[in-house]
Amino acid sequence: MAELVECSDDFRVERAHLAVSVGSGDVEVLSTPSLLAFVESVASRCLSGAVSPGYTTVGTYVELRHKAPAPQGATVRVTVRVENFDGKRARLSFRAECCGRLVGDGVHERVVVNKDDFLRRAGVR
């Protein structure tokens, strides 16, 4: 990937995404695990065109700063930027914004794996 790629997507905060619903707290705002899931969704899609058929990327590292709450019903925009990709490992930065403020930001790393081999090693196939 010679040029830096940026991908974005919008996510509506549903009841299932709230901290009280996922067990990561007792408040009715976007949970940190759900925010991370949004980030990984965008990151995975952003890299999907850069890997060969039969391969995929999996997350290996995340540094996430959850800075502000997002209520149920709100829309969170997640933007991921591919900072470096050598064909095997990707380093990405991300931002999540909602209601005119920064909800979270950080760094995410993913590696390319052969999907069948990966699932076999995991005992799924």
C-alpha atoms as a PDB file:
ATOM      1  CA  MET A   1       0.000   0.000   0.000  1.00  0.00           C
ATOM      2  CA  ALA A   2       2.028   2.899  -1.301  1.00  0.00           C
ATOM      3  CA  GLU A   3      -0.442   5.597  -0.313  1.00  0.00           C
ATOM      4  CA  LEU A   4      -2.065   6.024   3.051  1.00  0.00           C
ATOM      5  CA  VAL A   5      -5.670   4.894   3.056  1.00  0.00           C
ATOM      6  CA  GLU A   6      -8.438   6.249   5.242  1.00  0.00           C
ATOM      7  CA  CYS A   7     -11.802   4.563   5.787  1.00  0.00           C
ATOM      8  CA  SER A   8     -14.827   5.700   7.784  1.00  0.00           C
ATOM      9  CA  ASP A   9     -18.175   4.293   8.817  1.00  0.00           C
ATOM     10  CA  ASP A  10     -21.085   5.394  10.966  1.00  0.00           C
ATOM     11  CA  PHE A  11     -22.486   3.258  13.783  1.00  0.00           C
ATOM     12  CA  ARG A  12     -25.743   3.808  15.632  1.00  0.00           C
ATOM     13  CA  VAL A  13     -25.389   3.150  19.359  1.00  0.00           C
ATOM     14  CA  GLU A  14     -27.962   0.443  20.149  1.00  0.00           C
ATOM     15  CA  ARG A  15     -28.956  -0.986  23.520  1.00  0.00           C
ATOM     16  CA  ALA A  16     -26.646  -3.967  22.863  1.00  0.00           C
ATOM     17  CA  HIS A  17     -23.653  -1.567  22.659  1.00  0.00           C
ATOM     18  CA  LEU A  18     -24.187   0.005  26.097  1.00  0.00           C
ATOM     19  CA  ALA A  19     -21.819  -0.691  28.984  1.00  0.00           C
ATOM     20  CA  VAL A  20     -24.712  -1.956  31.090  1.00  0.00           C
ATOM     21  CA  SER A  21     -25.609  -4.458  28.338  1.00  0.00           C
ATOM     22  CA  VAL A  22     -22.130  -5.865  27.718  1.00  0.00           C
ATOM     23  CA  GLY A  23     -21.164  -6.018  31.393  1.00  0.00           C
ATOM     24  CA  SER A  24     -18.334  -3.504  31.231  1.00  0.00           C
ATOM     25  CA  GLY A  25     -20.054  -1.041  33.545  1.00  0.00           C
ATOM     26  CA  ASP A  26     -23.422   0.033  34.874  1.00  0.00           C
ATOM     27  CA  VAL A  27     -24.061   3.106  32.746  1.00  0.00           C
ATOM     28  CA  GLU A  28     -26.211   3.457  29.652  1.00  0.00           C
ATOM     29  CA  VAL A  29     -23.590   4.821  27.255  1.00  0.00           C
ATOM     30  CA  LEU A  30     -21.420   3.263  24.545  1.00  0.00           C
ATOM     31  CA  SER A  31     -19.161   0.623  26.072  1.00  0.00           C
ATOM     32  CA  THR A  32     -15.452   0.520  25.416  1.00  0.00           C
ATOM     33  CA  PRO A  33     -15.684  -3.065  24.042  1.00  0.00           C
ATOM     34  CA  SER A  34     -18.341  -1.907  21.558  1.00  0.00           C
ATOM     35  CA  LEU A  35     -16.236   1.080  20.526  1.00  0.00           C
ATOM     36  CA  LEU A  36     -13.342  -1.291  19.878  1.00  0.00           C
ATOM     37  CA  ALA A  37     -15.625  -3.566  17.825  1.00  0.00           C
ATOM     38  CA  PHE A  38     -16.584  -0.561  15.676  1.00  0.00           C
ATOM     39  CA  VAL A  39     -12.896   0.254  15.159  1.00  0.00           C
ATOM     40  CA  GLU A  40     -12.011  -3.327  14.223  1.00  0.00           C
ATOM     41  CA  SER A  41     -14.914  -3.479  11.771  1.00  0.00           C
ATOM     42  CA  VAL A  42     -13.671  -0.409   9.898  1.00  0.00           C
ATOM     43  CA  ALA A  43     -10.016  -1.515  10.076  1.00  0.00           C
ATOM     44  CA  SER A  44     -10.787  -4.982   8.736  1.00  0.00           C
ATOM     45  CA  ARG A  45     -12.822  -3.578   5.844  1.00  0.00           C
ATOM     46  CA  CYS A  46     -10.169  -0.956   5.111  1.00  0.00           C
ATOM     47  CA  LEU A  47      -7.492  -3.639   4.658  1.00  0.00           C
ATOM     48  CA  SER A  48      -9.656  -6.267   2.939  1.00  0.00           C
ATOM     49  CA  GLY A  49      -8.747  -5.154  -0.574  1.00  0.00           C
ATOM     50  CA  ALA A  50      -5.024  -5.324   0.180  1.00  0.00           C
ATOM     51  CA  VAL A  51      -4.864  -9.049   1.004  1.00  0.00           C
ATOM     52  CA  SER A  52      -4.931 -12.033  -1.356  1.00  0.00           C
ATOM     53  CA  PRO A  53      -7.949 -14.337  -1.635  1.00  0.00           C
ATOM     54  CA  GLY A  54      -7.965 -16.876   1.194  1.00  0.00           C
ATOM     55  CA  TYR A  55      -6.261 -14.417   3.530  1.00  0.00           C
ATOM     56  CA  THR A  56      -7.651 -12.003   6.088  1.00  0.00           C
ATOM     57  CA  THR A  57      -6.389  -9.696   8.816  1.00  0.00           C
ATOM     58  CA  VAL A  58      -6.750 -10.193  12.546  1.00  0.00           C
ATOM     59  CA  GLY A  59      -6.219  -7.727  15.346  1.00  0.00           C
ATOM     60  CA  THR A  60      -3.099  -8.151  17.469  1.00  0.00           C
ATOM     61  CA  TYR A  61      -2.773  -4.897  19.407  1.00  0.00           C
ATOM     62  CA  VAL A  62      -4.893  -1.939  20.425  1.00  0.00           C
ATOM     63  CA  GLU A  63      -4.296   1.230  22.384  1.00  0.00           C
ATOM     64  CA  LEU A  64      -7.644   2.926  22.916  1.00  0.00           C
ATOM     65  CA  ARG A  65      -8.404   6.109  24.815  1.00  0.00           C
ATOM     66  CA  HIS A  66     -12.152   6.310  25.503  1.00  0.00           C
ATOM     67  CA  LYS A  67     -12.560  10.049  26.096  1.00  0.00           C
ATOM     68  CA  ALA A  68     -16.288  10.866  26.097  1.00  0.00           C
ATOM     69  CA  PRO A  69     -19.647   9.111  26.398  1.00  0.00           C
ATOM     70  CA  ALA A  70     -22.017   8.436  23.523  1.00  0.00           C
ATOM     71  CA  PRO A  71     -25.683   7.832  24.393  1.00  0.00           C
ATOM     72  CA  GLN A  72     -28.032   5.224  22.986  1.00  0.00           C
ATOM     73  CA  GLY A  73     -29.432   6.383  19.659  1.00  0.00           C
ATOM     74  CA  ALA A  74     -26.416   8.533  18.802  1.00  0.00           C
ATOM     75  CA  THR A  75     -24.320   8.026  15.681  1.00  0.00           C
ATOM     76  CA  VAL A  76     -20.603   7.445  16.140  1.00  0.00           C
ATOM     77  CA  ARG A  77     -18.334   8.031  13.136  1.00  0.00           C
ATOM     78  CA  VAL A  78     -15.181   5.906  13.209  1.00  0.00           C
ATOM     79  CA  THR A  79     -12.305   6.884  10.931  1.00  0.00           C
ATOM     80  CA  VAL A  80      -9.323   4.577  10.518  1.00  0.00           C
ATOM     81  CA  ARG A  81      -6.119   5.577   8.776  1.00  0.00           C
ATOM     82  CA  VAL A  82      -3.588   3.024   7.568  1.00  0.00           C
ATOM     83  CA  GLU A  83      -0.290   4.496   8.727  1.00  0.00           C
ATOM     84  CA  ASN A  84       1.919   1.610   7.627  1.00  0.00           C
ATOM     85  CA  PHE A  85       1.301  -1.677   5.819  1.00  0.00           C
ATOM     86  CA  ASP A  86       4.145  -3.918   4.656  1.00  0.00           C
ATOM     87  CA  GLY A  87       1.943  -6.691   3.246  1.00  0.00           C
ATOM     88  CA  LYS A  88       2.081  -8.696   6.474  1.00  0.00           C
ATOM     89  CA  ARG A  89       1.468  -6.228   9.308  1.00  0.00           C
ATOM     90  CA  ALA A  90      -0.576  -3.043   9.417  1.00  0.00           C
ATOM     91  CA  ARG A  91      -0.415  -0.169  11.874  1.00  0.00           C
ATOM     92  CA  LEU A  92      -3.492   2.029  11.926  1.00  0.00           C
ATOM     93  CA  SER A  93      -4.612   5.108  13.806  1.00  0.00           C
ATOM     94  CA  PHE A  94      -8.259   5.800  14.546  1.00  0.00           C
ATOM     95  CA  ARG A  95     -10.688   8.432  15.792  1.00  0.00           C
ATOM     96  CA  ALA A  96     -14.299   8.071  16.893  1.00  0.00           C
ATOM     97  CA  GLU A  97     -16.504  11.159  16.968  1.00  0.00           C
ATOM     98  CA  CYS A  98     -20.057  11.755  18.114  1.00  0.00           C
ATOM     99  CA  CYS A  99     -22.204  14.735  18.950  1.00  0.00           C
ATOM    100  CA  GLY A 100     -19.461  17.189  17.943  1.00  0.00           C
ATOM    101  CA  ARG A 101     -16.768  15.733  20.195  1.00  0.00           C
ATOM    102  CA  LEU A 102     -13.992  13.174  20.202  1.00  0.00           C
ATOM    103  CA  VAL A 103     -15.284   9.960  21.792  1.00  0.00           C
ATOM    104  CA  GLY A 104     -12.081   7.988  21.440  1.00  0.00           C
ATOM    105  CA  ASP A 105      -8.832   7.572  19.572  1.00  0.00           C
ATOM    106  CA  GLY A 106      -5.824   5.329  19.459  1.00  0.00           C
ATOM    107  CA  VAL A 107      -3.696   2.848  17.562  1.00  0.00           C
ATOM    108  CA  HIS A 108      -4.576  -0.579  16.207  1.00  0.00           C
ATOM    109  CA  GLU A 109      -2.377  -3.252  14.652  1.00  0.00           C
ATOM    110  CA  ARG A 110      -3.462  -6.149  12.455  1.00  0.00           C
ATOM    111  CA  VAL A 111      -1.589  -9.026  10.785  1.00  0.00           C
ATOM    112  CA  VAL A 112      -2.357 -10.941   7.605  1.00  0.00           C
ATOM    113  CA  VAL A 113      -3.134 -14.636   8.100  1.00  0.00           C
ATOM    114  CA  ASN A 114      -4.194 -17.514   5.890  1.00  0.00           C
ATOM    115  CA  LYS A 115      -7.819 -17.898   6.934  1.00  0.00           C
ATOM    116  CA  ASP A 116      -7.974 -21.729   6.756  1.00  0.00           C
ATOM    117  CA  ASP A 117      -4.657 -22.199   8.593  1.00  0.00           C
ATOM    118  CA  PHE A 118      -5.691 -19.713  11.261  1.00  0.00           C
ATOM    119  CA  LEU A 119      -9.041 -21.435  11.868  1.00  0.00           C
ATOM    120  CA  ARG A 120      -7.373 -24.873  11.908  1.00  0.00           C
ATOM    121  CA  ARG A 121      -4.865 -23.682  14.565  1.00  0.00           C
ATOM    122  CA  ALA A 122      -7.794 -22.301  16.576  1.00  0.00           C
ATOM    123  CA  GLY A 123      -9.511 -25.708  16.452  1.00  0.00           C
ATOM    124  CA  VAL A 124     -12.451 -24.371  14.444  1.00  0.00           C
ATOM    125  CA  ARG A 125     -11.702 -26.495  11.348  1.00  0.00           C
END
